[in-house]
Amino acid sequence: MSYGILIIEDEVVLAKKIAKYLTQNGYEVRVAGNGQDGMKMMETFLPDVVLLDFNLPGGMNGLEVLRRIRVSDPNSKVILVTGQGDIQLAVDAMKSGAYDYLSKPIMLSGLKILLERALGKEQKENLLSYYQGKEATQIDLEKIVGQCAAINRIKAQIKRITEAGRRLTQGTPPPVLITGETGTGKELVARAIHFGGLRNKAPFTELNLATIPSHIVESELFGFERGAFTDAHERKMGLVESANGGTLFLDEIGELPLAIQVKLLKLLEGYEIRRLGSIRSQKVDIQIVSATNRSLKDLVAAGTFRADLLFRLNTLNVDVPPLRERGEDIIILARHFARLFGQKYDRPCLELDESAGAEIVRYQWPGNVRELRNKMEQAVLLCDGQTIAAEHLDIPRELRIRETSVVASPGVPRRRADDYTSKATPMEDNQLAPGTTLEEAERDLVKRALREVGGNVSKAARRLGISRDQMRYRIEKYALADDD
């Protein structure tokens, strides 16, 4: 990291020796020979750490300089250099706000360790402040619930991404873009990528760009120096810098303001940042994972998202399917959440009855897994006995799929699809018939695509822009396999 170190030391030979050593180790160094020059340099150089000698010429010793530094910049890290054996002076320095102290003669290797500790402490303090009240959940592949083909494919993708990261010999891992509707589990995938790789002991830092005002996004990401703007009363490390060595997860990346997109693109090109108001750039080693529930291609076409940034973010893509396309996973997830919330509310051994299972399958789940989780928690709270029934789910009637278009209730045969070979579908003239539901419209579109390609599933899937597995699921869902 290109951190700035200010050395306030009147012994010229010693100051040059320390400065040369630190420069060789990647630090940017400035030297002042007395307290007055050191205070002036504090205002222009904005150091990350000050190495301060006690015995200084000019009528202002190290303790006085330390007190003035603490007044002007309370968060500054100051290491006081004292004469050998001067324990009382070291105690006074710590009381005055020094981060630590060193005794002469200085061992350069010990100084380097102390500097790294001081700078690492700043990173940890910033992360603790950001994550206060948050749960840093560790996710691995085993915690991604589901057995459908799409979820198995995602698990395989995550495994390949983490294995590639382990084989990386130089540079940073490529960016990953996670796409999918709201509530499908994109953050779950991001955490699995981080905690399944070599960076799992380093920070996982997240920022939801839809939840913060656009005018503070830059300062949140890149940090700022004291005095960078009106309310910048003290230095703040940004989330990019805090994530150094780990993963930065940018949720809802489509909400990133255009002006900040340029800076994110620059970060992806060189992995360097500069705090607002700083004169120094710093190298960072991070993996960037982003997520969106919007079509970034549409945003590019609309002029609200940069095409070059999309290309960089989309080096690796993981597309998370909506819950309605996950087949039997819906019931598996419902039972999983029933057990989870049953344990939470001391209601073990809860089961779903047939009516609840049929209701869950019939519903479209526009809110996806997040909505299912919330409904199951509600059901656990409303259920009196050991069985969750349909009335405990509180699913809006107007959003239910008609029973005849999905898996039928027990004892009721599935209705065959209409014979569209002799009838025009409601969509053949690009208009919907009055009262047509979303399910009926989708069913007609799938039927027409199959008919136009002579029943070839792969060709029909490509025509609709979906995977073969997703096409197979819809064929089964709408009983098209039984139709001529």
Protein backbone atom coordinates (compact mmCIF):
# COMPACT_ATOMS: atom_id res chain seq x y z
CA MET A 1 0.00 0.00 0.00
CA SER A 2 1.28 3.48 -0.83
CA TYR A 3 0.74 4.97 2.61
CA GLY A 4 2.23 8.32 3.57
CA ILE A 5 4.69 8.49 6.48
CA LEU A 6 5.85 11.82 7.94
CA ILE A 7 9.15 11.67 9.83
CA ILE A 8 9.74 14.56 12.24
CA GLU A 9 13.37 14.03 13.25
CA ASP A 10 16.31 16.46 13.62
CA GLU A 11 19.04 13.80 13.24
CA VAL A 12 19.58 14.07 9.49
CA VAL A 13 21.45 10.78 9.01
CA LEU A 14 18.88 8.78 10.97
CA ALA A 15 15.96 10.45 9.17
CA LYS A 16 17.48 9.69 5.76
CA LYS A 17 18.15 6.09 6.72
CA ILE A 18 14.55 5.54 7.87
CA ALA A 19 13.15 7.35 4.84
CA LYS A 20 15.20 5.23 2.42
CA TYR A 21 14.14 2.00 4.11
CA LEU A 22 10.44 2.89 4.11
CA THR A 23 10.55 4.10 0.50
CA GLN A 24 12.04 0.77 -0.56
CA ASN A 25 9.11 -0.92 1.18
CA GLY A 26 6.51 1.00 -0.80
CA TYR A 27 5.75 3.94 1.50
CA GLU A 28 5.69 7.59 0.46
CA VAL A 29 7.87 9.51 2.92
CA ARG A 30 8.39 13.16 3.87
CA VAL A 31 10.92 14.46 6.43
CA ALA A 32 10.72 17.55 8.66
CA GLY A 33 13.61 18.68 10.89
CA ASN A 34 11.56 20.38 13.63
CA GLY A 35 8.05 20.61 15.06
CA GLN A 36 7.05 23.81 13.26
CA ASP A 37 7.93 22.40 9.82
CA GLY A 38 6.28 19.13 10.76
CA MET A 39 2.95 20.83 11.60
CA LYS A 40 2.99 22.70 8.27
CA MET A 41 3.70 19.47 6.41
CA MET A 42 0.79 17.78 8.22
CA GLU A 43 -1.60 20.15 6.43
CA THR A 44 -0.26 19.54 2.93
CA PHE A 45 1.09 15.98 3.01
CA LEU A 46 -1.78 14.41 5.04
CA PRO A 47 0.28 11.46 6.34
CA ASP A 48 -1.23 8.17 7.43
CA VAL A 49 1.33 7.78 10.24
CA VAL A 50 3.65 10.28 11.91
CA LEU A 51 7.04 9.10 13.26
CA LEU A 52 7.83 11.78 15.84
CA ASP A 53 11.09 12.32 17.76
CA PHE A 54 10.86 13.71 21.28
CA ASN A 55 14.03 15.84 21.33
CA LEU A 56 13.40 18.49 18.68
CA PRO A 57 14.98 21.92 18.16
CA GLY A 58 13.01 25.18 18.03
CA GLY A 59 11.39 25.24 21.46
CA MET A 60 8.68 22.63 20.76
CA ASN A 61 9.39 19.06 21.87
CA GLY A 62 7.72 15.90 20.67
CA LEU A 63 4.97 15.87 23.32
CA GLU A 64 3.89 19.39 22.41
CA VAL A 65 3.85 18.49 18.71
CA LEU A 66 1.85 15.36 19.56
CA ARG A 67 -0.79 17.40 21.43
CA ARG A 68 -1.14 19.82 18.51
CA ILE A 69 -1.45 16.95 16.02
CA ARG A 70 -4.16 15.37 18.14
CA VAL A 71 -6.10 18.64 18.20
CA SER A 72 -5.88 19.14 14.44
CA ASP A 73 -6.45 15.46 13.55
CA PRO A 74 -7.81 13.32 16.43
CA ASN A 75 -7.62 10.10 14.39
CA SER A 76 -3.99 10.45 13.38
CA LYS A 77 -1.57 7.62 14.20
CA VAL A 78 1.55 9.00 15.91
CA ILE A 79 4.53 6.88 16.98
CA LEU A 80 6.84 8.72 19.39
CA VAL A 81 10.58 8.02 19.29
CA THR A 82 12.25 8.31 22.69
CA GLY A 83 15.68 7.84 24.23
CA GLN A 84 16.50 4.39 25.52
CA GLY A 85 14.99 3.63 28.94
CA ASP A 86 12.82 6.77 29.18
CA ILE A 87 9.75 4.87 30.43
CA GLN A 88 7.97 7.85 32.01
CA LEU A 89 8.16 9.77 28.74
CA ALA A 90 6.62 6.80 26.92
CA VAL A 91 3.78 6.71 29.45
CA ASP A 92 3.14 10.45 29.01
CA ALA A 93 3.13 9.99 25.23
CA MET A 94 0.50 7.24 25.39
CA LYS A 95 -1.64 9.39 27.70
CA SER A 96 -1.40 12.24 25.19
CA GLY A 97 -2.75 10.03 22.43
CA ALA A 98 0.30 8.40 20.82
CA TYR A 99 -0.45 5.12 19.07
CA ASP A 100 2.81 3.59 20.30
CA TYR A 101 6.45 4.45 20.96
CA LEU A 102 9.92 3.29 19.90
CA SER A 103 13.21 3.55 21.75
CA LYS A 104 16.47 4.46 20.08
CA PRO A 105 18.43 2.88 18.49
CA ILE A 106 15.61 2.01 16.08
CA MET A 107 15.43 -1.44 14.51
CA LEU A 108 14.07 -0.89 11.02
CA SER A 109 12.38 -4.30 10.84
CA GLY A 110 10.59 -3.55 14.13
CA LEU A 111 9.51 -0.15 12.79
CA LYS A 112 8.02 -1.79 9.69
CA ILE A 113 6.01 -4.24 11.82
CA LEU A 114 4.74 -1.39 14.00
CA LEU A 115 3.67 0.63 10.96
CA GLU A 116 1.84 -2.33 9.47
CA ARG A 117 0.05 -2.86 12.77
CA ALA A 118 -0.97 0.80 12.97
CA LEU A 119 -2.30 0.84 9.42
CA GLY A 120 -4.02 -2.51 9.84
CA LYS A 121 -5.70 -1.24 13.01
CA GLU A 122 -7.20 1.63 11.01
CA GLN A 123 -8.62 -0.86 8.52
CA LYS A 124 -10.14 -2.99 11.30
CA GLU A 125 -11.60 0.05 13.08
CA ASN A 126 -13.30 1.15 9.88
CA LEU A 127 -14.74 -2.31 9.26
CA LEU A 128 -16.00 -2.59 12.85
CA SER A 129 -17.69 0.78 12.48
CA TYR A 130 -19.30 -0.23 9.20
CA TYR A 131 -20.44 -3.66 10.36
CA GLN A 132 -21.75 -2.57 13.74
CA GLY A 133 -25.06 -4.35 14.17
CA LYS A 134 -24.57 -6.48 11.05
CA GLU A 135 -24.21 -10.24 10.91
CA ALA A 136 -21.18 -11.33 8.88
CA THR A 137 -22.70 -14.62 7.75
CA GLN A 138 -20.35 -17.18 6.30
CA ILE A 139 -21.88 -19.10 3.42
CA ASP A 140 -20.57 -22.19 1.67
CA LEU A 141 -22.03 -24.33 -1.10
CA GLU A 142 -23.73 -26.66 1.37
CA LYS A 143 -25.89 -23.77 2.62
CA ILE A 144 -27.30 -23.09 -0.85
CA VAL A 145 -30.51 -25.11 -0.67
CA GLY A 146 -31.85 -26.69 -3.84
CA GLN A 147 -31.44 -29.63 -6.20
CA CYS A 148 -32.76 -28.38 -9.54
CA ALA A 149 -30.51 -28.31 -12.61
CA ALA A 150 -30.13 -24.51 -12.50
CA ILE A 151 -28.96 -24.49 -8.86
CA ASN A 152 -26.56 -27.38 -9.46
CA ARG A 153 -25.14 -25.44 -12.39
CA ILE A 154 -24.65 -22.37 -10.16
CA LYS A 155 -22.88 -24.45 -7.52
CA ALA A 156 -20.56 -25.80 -10.21
CA GLN A 157 -19.87 -22.26 -11.40
CA ILE A 158 -19.03 -21.09 -7.88
CA LYS A 159 -16.70 -24.04 -7.42
CA ARG A 160 -14.89 -23.25 -10.67
CA ILE A 161 -14.54 -19.58 -9.71
CA THR A 162 -13.10 -20.34 -6.27
CA GLU A 163 -10.75 -23.02 -7.64
CA ALA A 164 -9.48 -20.55 -10.26
CA GLY A 165 -8.82 -18.06 -7.47
CA ARG A 166 -6.75 -20.63 -5.62
CA ARG A 167 -4.63 -21.23 -8.73
CA LEU A 168 -4.05 -17.51 -9.29
CA THR A 169 -0.30 -16.78 -9.24
CA GLN A 170 -0.36 -13.02 -9.82
CA GLY A 171 -2.74 -10.10 -10.08
CA THR A 172 -6.30 -9.99 -8.77
CA PRO A 173 -9.22 -12.35 -9.45
CA PRO A 174 -11.53 -11.30 -12.30
CA PRO A 175 -14.76 -9.46 -11.44
CA VAL A 176 -17.96 -11.49 -11.07
CA LEU A 177 -21.41 -10.18 -12.02
CA ILE A 178 -24.40 -11.90 -10.40
CA THR A 179 -27.73 -11.35 -12.14
CA GLY A 180 -31.26 -12.30 -11.16
CA GLU A 181 -34.56 -10.98 -9.90
CA THR A 182 -34.98 -9.41 -6.47
CA GLY A 183 -35.00 -12.01 -3.71
CA THR A 184 -33.41 -14.87 -5.65
CA GLY A 185 -30.32 -15.10 -3.42
CA LYS A 186 -27.64 -13.08 -5.21
CA GLU A 187 -25.95 -12.07 -1.95
CA LEU A 188 -25.88 -15.75 -0.96
CA VAL A 189 -23.92 -16.51 -4.14
CA ALA A 190 -21.53 -13.60 -3.51
CA ARG A 191 -20.77 -14.85 0.01
CA ALA A 192 -20.26 -18.39 -1.27
CA ILE A 193 -17.70 -17.10 -3.76
CA HIS A 194 -15.82 -15.22 -1.03
CA PHE A 195 -15.95 -17.78 1.78
CA GLY A 196 -15.22 -20.68 -0.56
CA GLY A 197 -11.95 -19.16 -1.75
CA LEU A 198 -8.53 -18.23 -0.39
CA ARG A 199 -9.82 -14.81 0.75
CA ASN A 200 -12.22 -16.29 3.28
CA LYS A 201 -10.19 -14.99 6.26
CA ALA A 202 -10.10 -11.45 4.82
CA PRO A 203 -12.95 -8.89 4.89
CA PHE A 204 -16.18 -9.38 2.96
CA THR A 205 -17.31 -5.78 2.55
CA GLU A 206 -20.69 -5.04 1.03
CA LEU A 207 -22.47 -1.91 -0.14
CA ASN A 208 -26.04 -1.79 -1.42
CA LEU A 209 -26.01 1.12 -3.85
CA ALA A 210 -29.80 1.42 -3.83
CA THR A 211 -29.87 2.27 -0.12
CA ILE A 212 -27.56 5.29 0.07
CA PRO A 213 -27.91 8.79 -1.43
CA SER A 214 -26.03 9.20 -4.71
CA HIS A 215 -24.05 12.20 -3.45
CA ILE A 216 -22.25 10.17 -0.76
CA VAL A 217 -21.48 7.05 -2.84
CA GLU A 218 -17.99 8.29 -3.76
CA SER A 219 -16.97 9.04 -0.17
CA GLU A 220 -18.37 5.70 1.02
CA LEU A 221 -16.42 3.79 -1.60
CA PHE A 222 -13.15 5.68 -1.68
CA GLY A 223 -13.02 7.49 1.67
CA PHE A 224 -11.86 11.04 2.28
CA GLU A 225 -9.25 13.14 4.05
CA ARG A 226 -10.03 15.68 6.72
CA GLY A 227 -11.12 18.92 5.10
CA ALA A 228 -11.93 17.32 1.72
CA PHE A 229 -15.41 18.88 1.92
CA THR A 230 -17.49 20.88 4.40
CA ASP A 231 -18.48 18.05 6.75
CA ALA A 232 -15.19 16.13 6.50
CA HIS A 233 -14.04 16.84 10.04
CA GLU A 234 -11.84 13.76 10.20
CA ARG A 235 -10.25 11.22 7.88
CA LYS A 236 -12.33 8.22 6.85
CA MET A 237 -11.19 5.08 5.09
CA GLY A 238 -13.46 3.98 2.23
CA LEU A 239 -14.97 0.54 1.79
CA VAL A 240 -12.67 -0.28 -1.13
CA GLU A 241 -9.64 0.24 1.08
CA SER A 242 -11.29 -1.60 3.96
CA ALA A 243 -11.82 -4.64 1.74
CA ASN A 244 -8.11 -4.84 0.89
CA GLY A 245 -7.09 -8.50 0.68
CA GLY A 246 -10.74 -9.61 0.55
CA THR A 247 -13.91 -9.08 -1.45
CA LEU A 248 -15.93 -5.97 -2.22
CA PHE A 249 -19.58 -6.80 -2.95
CA LEU A 250 -21.50 -4.05 -4.77
CA ASP A 251 -25.18 -4.89 -4.67
CA GLU A 252 -27.63 -3.19 -7.06
CA ILE A 253 -24.73 -2.05 -9.27
CA GLY A 254 -27.23 -0.65 -11.78
CA GLU A 255 -27.93 2.19 -9.33
CA LEU A 256 -24.32 3.44 -9.42
CA PRO A 257 -24.26 7.11 -10.56
CA LEU A 258 -22.63 7.73 -13.93
CA ALA A 259 -19.99 10.04 -12.43
CA ILE A 260 -18.84 7.26 -10.06
CA GLN A 261 -18.92 4.62 -12.80
CA VAL A 262 -15.85 6.26 -14.31
CA LYS A 263 -13.96 5.91 -11.03
CA LEU A 264 -15.03 2.31 -10.59
CA LEU A 265 -13.83 1.57 -14.12
CA LYS A 266 -10.47 3.14 -13.27
CA LEU A 267 -10.29 0.99 -10.14
CA LEU A 268 -10.91 -2.15 -12.21
CA GLU A 269 -8.19 -1.17 -14.66
CA GLY A 270 -5.40 -0.46 -12.18
CA TYR A 271 -6.67 -1.44 -8.72
CA GLU A 272 -5.60 1.94 -7.34
CA ILE A 273 -7.69 4.38 -5.34
CA ARG A 274 -7.33 7.90 -4.04
CA ARG A 275 -9.30 9.22 -1.10
CA LEU A 276 -11.21 12.44 -1.66
CA GLY A 277 -8.85 15.29 -0.86
CA SER A 278 -5.76 13.06 -0.88
CA ILE A 279 -2.60 13.64 -2.90
CA ARG A 280 -1.67 9.93 -2.98
CA SER A 281 -2.99 6.90 -4.79
CA GLN A 282 -2.94 3.53 -3.07
CA LYS A 283 -2.83 0.02 -4.47
CA VAL A 284 -5.55 -2.37 -3.34
CA ASP A 285 -5.85 -6.13 -3.71
CA ILE A 286 -9.56 -6.94 -3.87
CA GLN A 287 -11.98 -9.17 -5.71
CA ILE A 288 -14.99 -7.21 -6.96
CA VAL A 289 -18.32 -9.01 -7.03
CA SER A 290 -21.39 -7.07 -8.16
CA ALA A 291 -25.07 -7.91 -8.43
CA THR A 292 -28.11 -6.49 -10.16
CA ASN A 293 -31.78 -7.26 -10.66
CA ARG A 294 -31.93 -5.01 -13.73
CA SER A 295 -30.78 -5.53 -17.29
CA LEU A 296 -27.49 -3.64 -17.54
CA LYS A 297 -27.69 -3.92 -21.33
CA ASP A 298 -30.97 -2.00 -21.23
CA LEU A 299 -29.36 0.61 -18.96
CA VAL A 300 -26.48 0.93 -21.44
CA ALA A 301 -28.99 1.44 -24.25
CA ALA A 302 -30.75 4.08 -22.14
CA GLY A 303 -27.46 5.89 -21.53
CA THR A 304 -27.46 5.43 -17.74
CA PHE A 305 -24.74 2.77 -17.56
CA ARG A 306 -21.34 2.69 -19.25
CA ALA A 307 -20.80 -0.10 -21.78
CA ASP A 308 -17.07 -0.35 -20.96
CA LEU A 309 -17.86 -0.79 -17.26
CA LEU A 310 -20.37 -3.53 -18.07
CA PHE A 311 -17.73 -5.39 -20.08
CA ARG A 312 -15.29 -5.26 -17.15
CA LEU A 313 -17.83 -6.26 -14.49
CA ASN A 314 -19.21 -9.10 -16.61
CA THR A 315 -15.94 -11.02 -16.96
CA LEU A 316 -17.64 -13.88 -15.11
CA ASN A 317 -21.43 -14.08 -14.90
CA VAL A 318 -23.63 -16.10 -12.55
CA ASP A 319 -27.34 -15.93 -13.39
CA VAL A 320 -29.63 -16.89 -10.49
CA PRO A 321 -33.03 -18.24 -11.66
CA PRO A 322 -36.33 -17.02 -10.18
CA LEU A 323 -38.04 -19.32 -7.71
CA ARG A 324 -40.91 -20.09 -10.11
CA GLU A 325 -38.39 -21.76 -12.45
CA ARG A 326 -36.85 -24.00 -9.82
CA GLY A 327 -39.45 -26.78 -9.88
CA GLU A 328 -39.43 -28.98 -6.77
CA ASP A 329 -36.95 -26.66 -5.06
CA ILE A 330 -39.95 -24.57 -3.97
CA ILE A 331 -41.17 -27.34 -1.66
CA ILE A 332 -37.62 -28.18 -0.53
CA LEU A 333 -37.04 -24.53 0.43
CA ALA A 334 -40.43 -24.27 2.14
CA ARG A 335 -39.63 -27.27 4.34
CA HIS A 336 -36.16 -25.88 5.01
CA PHE A 337 -37.60 -22.56 6.23
CA ALA A 338 -40.27 -24.36 8.26
CA ARG A 339 -37.50 -26.22 10.13
CA LEU A 340 -35.40 -23.06 10.44
CA PHE A 341 -38.17 -20.94 11.94
CA GLY A 342 -39.51 -23.87 13.91
CA GLN A 343 -36.18 -23.98 15.75
CA LYS A 344 -36.14 -20.19 16.12
CA TYR A 345 -39.56 -20.09 17.79
CA ASP A 346 -39.20 -23.38 19.66
CA ARG A 347 -41.63 -25.16 17.34
CA PRO A 348 -39.68 -28.22 16.20
CA CYS A 349 -41.05 -30.94 13.90
CA LEU A 350 -43.38 -28.66 11.91
CA GLU A 351 -44.63 -30.18 8.67
CA LEU A 352 -46.49 -28.94 5.58
CA ASP A 353 -49.83 -30.55 4.78
CA GLU A 354 -51.07 -31.22 1.23
CA SER A 355 -53.07 -27.99 1.07
CA ALA A 356 -50.02 -25.90 1.99
CA GLY A 357 -47.84 -27.74 -0.51
CA ALA A 358 -50.39 -27.22 -3.30
CA GLU A 359 -50.75 -23.54 -2.38
CA ILE A 360 -46.98 -23.02 -2.45
CA VAL A 361 -46.67 -24.67 -5.87
CA ARG A 362 -49.57 -22.66 -7.31
CA TYR A 363 -48.18 -19.27 -6.32
CA GLN A 364 -45.93 -17.27 -8.69
CA TRP A 365 -43.60 -15.98 -5.90
CA PRO A 366 -42.80 -12.56 -7.41
CA GLY A 367 -40.60 -11.88 -4.39
CA ASN A 368 -38.78 -15.21 -4.92
CA VAL A 369 -36.90 -16.93 -2.08
CA ARG A 370 -37.02 -13.85 0.15
CA GLU A 371 -40.82 -13.80 -0.09
CA LEU A 372 -41.06 -17.55 0.55
CA ARG A 373 -38.86 -17.16 3.63
CA ASN A 374 -41.08 -14.38 4.99
CA LYS A 375 -44.28 -16.33 4.30
CA MET A 376 -42.91 -19.41 6.05
CA GLU A 377 -41.93 -17.40 9.12
CA GLN A 378 -45.43 -15.97 9.18
CA ALA A 379 -46.91 -19.46 8.83
CA VAL A 380 -44.85 -20.77 11.74
CA LEU A 381 -46.14 -17.93 13.92
CA LEU A 382 -49.79 -18.43 12.85
CA CYS A 383 -49.78 -22.23 13.09
CA ASP A 384 -51.17 -23.64 16.36
CA GLY A 385 -50.37 -27.32 15.97
CA GLN A 386 -47.58 -29.25 14.27
CA THR A 387 -48.92 -28.90 10.73
CA ILE A 388 -48.78 -25.84 8.48
CA ALA A 389 -51.89 -25.58 6.30
CA ALA A 390 -52.82 -23.33 3.37
CA GLU A 391 -54.65 -20.82 5.57
CA HIS A 392 -51.44 -20.11 7.49
CA LEU A 393 -49.61 -18.91 4.37
CA ASP A 394 -51.72 -15.79 3.67
CA ILE A 395 -51.00 -15.80 -0.08
CA PRO A 396 -52.81 -13.00 -1.95
CA ARG A 397 -55.70 -14.47 -3.97
CA GLU A 398 -55.20 -12.16 -6.92
CA LEU A 399 -51.65 -13.44 -7.44
CA ARG A 400 -52.41 -17.17 -7.41
CA ILE A 401 -52.09 -19.22 -10.57
CA ARG A 402 -55.27 -20.95 -11.63
CA GLU A 403 -55.24 -24.54 -10.52
CA THR A 404 -55.81 -25.92 -14.02
CA SER A 405 -52.55 -24.43 -15.34
CA VAL A 406 -50.22 -26.09 -12.81
CA VAL A 407 -49.88 -29.24 -10.79
CA ALA A 408 -53.39 -30.20 -9.72
CA SER A 409 -54.54 -30.77 -6.17
CA PRO A 410 -54.69 -34.36 -4.91
CA GLY A 411 -57.48 -36.28 -6.61
CA VAL A 412 -57.96 -33.74 -9.41
CA PRO A 413 -56.51 -34.76 -12.81
CA ARG A 414 -54.29 -32.30 -14.67
CA ARG A 415 -56.15 -30.65 -17.52
CA ARG A 416 -54.67 -31.24 -20.97
CA ALA A 417 -53.46 -28.28 -22.97
CA ASP A 418 -55.81 -26.93 -25.66
CA ASP A 419 -55.18 -28.05 -29.22
CA TYR A 420 -53.45 -25.02 -30.69
CA THR A 421 -52.96 -26.61 -34.08
CA SER A 422 -56.44 -25.56 -35.17
CA LYS A 423 -56.85 -22.43 -33.05
CA ALA A 424 -54.98 -19.15 -33.06
CA THR A 425 -53.24 -18.46 -29.77
CA PRO A 426 -54.02 -15.19 -27.98
CA MET A 427 -50.52 -13.96 -28.84
CA GLU A 428 -50.33 -14.85 -32.53
CA ASP A 429 -51.45 -11.36 -33.51
CA ASN A 430 -49.19 -9.83 -30.81
CA GLN A 431 -52.28 -8.93 -28.76
CA LEU A 432 -53.55 -10.46 -25.53
CA ALA A 433 -57.14 -11.58 -25.31
CA PRO A 434 -59.14 -9.82 -22.56
CA GLY A 435 -58.69 -11.55 -19.20
CA THR A 436 -55.52 -13.42 -20.25
CA THR A 437 -53.32 -14.19 -17.24
CA LEU A 438 -49.53 -14.07 -17.16
CA GLU A 439 -49.42 -17.85 -16.92
CA GLU A 440 -51.63 -18.25 -20.00
CA ALA A 441 -49.55 -15.77 -21.98
CA GLU A 442 -46.31 -17.58 -21.10
CA ARG A 443 -47.86 -20.95 -21.93
CA ASP A 444 -48.99 -19.68 -25.34
CA LEU A 445 -45.56 -18.25 -26.08
CA VAL A 446 -43.81 -21.51 -25.21
CA LYS A 447 -46.32 -23.48 -27.28
CA ARG A 448 -45.84 -21.21 -30.30
CA ALA A 449 -42.03 -21.36 -30.06
CA LEU A 450 -42.13 -25.17 -30.03
CA ARG A 451 -44.51 -25.30 -32.97
CA GLU A 452 -42.38 -22.92 -35.06
CA VAL A 453 -39.25 -25.10 -34.66
CA GLY A 454 -41.01 -28.41 -35.12
CA GLY A 455 -40.87 -29.35 -31.44
CA ASN A 456 -37.08 -29.01 -31.07
CA VAL A 457 -36.60 -28.05 -27.40
CA SER A 458 -33.09 -26.60 -27.79
CA LYS A 459 -34.08 -24.41 -30.74
CA ALA A 460 -37.22 -23.22 -28.96
CA ALA A 461 -35.17 -22.34 -25.86
CA ARG A 462 -32.71 -20.33 -27.95
CA ARG A 463 -35.56 -18.53 -29.67
CA LEU A 464 -36.97 -17.47 -26.29
CA GLY A 465 -33.55 -16.62 -24.83
CA ILE A 466 -33.70 -19.19 -22.01
CA SER A 467 -31.76 -22.34 -21.16
CA ARG A 468 -32.79 -25.85 -22.22
CA ASP A 469 -33.45 -26.70 -18.55
CA GLN A 470 -35.75 -23.71 -18.19
CA MET A 471 -37.58 -24.73 -21.37
CA ARG A 472 -37.96 -28.31 -20.14
CA TYR A 473 -39.37 -27.02 -16.86
CA ARG A 474 -42.03 -24.95 -18.68
CA ILE A 475 -42.97 -27.88 -20.94
CA GLU A 476 -43.58 -30.00 -17.85
CA LYS A 477 -45.24 -27.15 -15.98
CA TYR A 478 -47.83 -26.56 -18.70
CA ALA A 479 -48.26 -30.25 -19.59
CA LEU A 480 -47.08 -29.57 -23.16
CA ALA A 481 -45.36 -32.94 -23.37
CA ASP A 482 -48.82 -34.58 -23.44
CA ASP A 483 -50.00 -32.29 -26.23
CA ASP A 484 -49.72 -33.17 -29.89
